[in-house]
Every structure is written in C-alpha cells, then in structure tokens.
Amino acid sequence: MKKDWLKVAIPLTIFFVISWLVLSPPKQIGYAPKQPIDYSHKLHAGDYGIDCQYCHTGVSIGQKAGVPSLNICMNCHVSVGYGNEEVEKIHDHWRKNKSPEWVRIHNLPDHVKFSHAPHINAFLKPGEPSENTCQLCHGDIAKMEVVSQVESLNMGWCVNCHRDNADKGADISCSTCHY
C-alpha cells in the first residue's frame, strides 16, 4: 500500500515542481531596488530628453554602460535643482568626493560574458536617440520613475534575440556568451 502511494506522489511532485519552474515568472522581472538617490529616468530621459549615452558614456565602446560619475550629474546640478532633497544628496556626495553606492539592477551570472558595445552598435541607427536601442533589453526607461528589470535576460531570451538578429552578425555559438 505504501509503495502505491509513492507511485502517485513522486510523479505528481515532479510534475508540480517542473510546472512551477516553467510557468513562474523569472524573479528578476520587476526587480527595482531602493537606490541611495531617488533618480527619475522619467524626468531626465523622458521629460528633458537627455540621451542615454550622455550619462552612460561607455555604453557604445565598452562592456558596461557604466554608472554616471558625479561629474556628469554636476554638469547640470551645479546650477539647477537647489532645494530639491534628492539633488542636495548629489551635492553632499560631491562635497565628500564620494560616489553614491548605486544598486545594480540588471545582473547576469558570472559565467556570462556580455558587452554593451556590440549590441548598441548593431542596433543604433545614425541620428536616432540611443533610447530606442536601450529599450530592446531595458524597456521604456524614459517612462520609468523607478527603473526596474522588464526582461528576464536569461539564456533563452538572449538566444532568441541572437537568432532573430543573425542578419546583424549575432552568433549563437556557446563561446559568444560563455567563458
């Protein structure tokens, strides 16, 4: 009798675990950690139309988009935003010569090699704002008050994009993305 129960319980448990793994959304989607300064991409990239590459200077030439330096923030905030609590936090960091400790939102596993440069350069059309290219992976940042991860950025998602963009030189061999 005990063995009959296990014959049903084990396959049923395996079925539910696999269903949960397949059907549940990746835990990264919606990830929007609290940042040291409440920075609004909606205000800066959306309302003011500041291009992504103005702040994320290394995105078209390097591996990482890079977190903007305080120098970039202070290009404007040396003269605008006084009295705003969040801008005052920037000024405080500036006076202390200490960058805010931003929390990374879009993380990839350590075994994945990824460079923004080939992706930006493959999709960015001359004269077009980089926002259109960034949206492919990061969503419509210019409408986000608080940035959150909108795509899983998992292997299947990336492989599908590479397959769909083979005409742009995207390769699907393992060594393209894995060390």
Foldseek 3Di string as FASTA:
>chain_A
DVVVVCVPVVVVVVVVVVCCVVPPDAPQAFDFDDFPAQAFLLVVCNVVVDFLCLQQVCLQPWADSDGGDLVSVCVPLVPDDPPPPRSVVSVVCVVVVHDTPTDDRDDDDPQWRGGSNLQQVLPPDPPDGSQVSVCVFQNNSNNGSTGGGHDNPDPVVVLVVLVVVVVSVRDNDPVVIGD
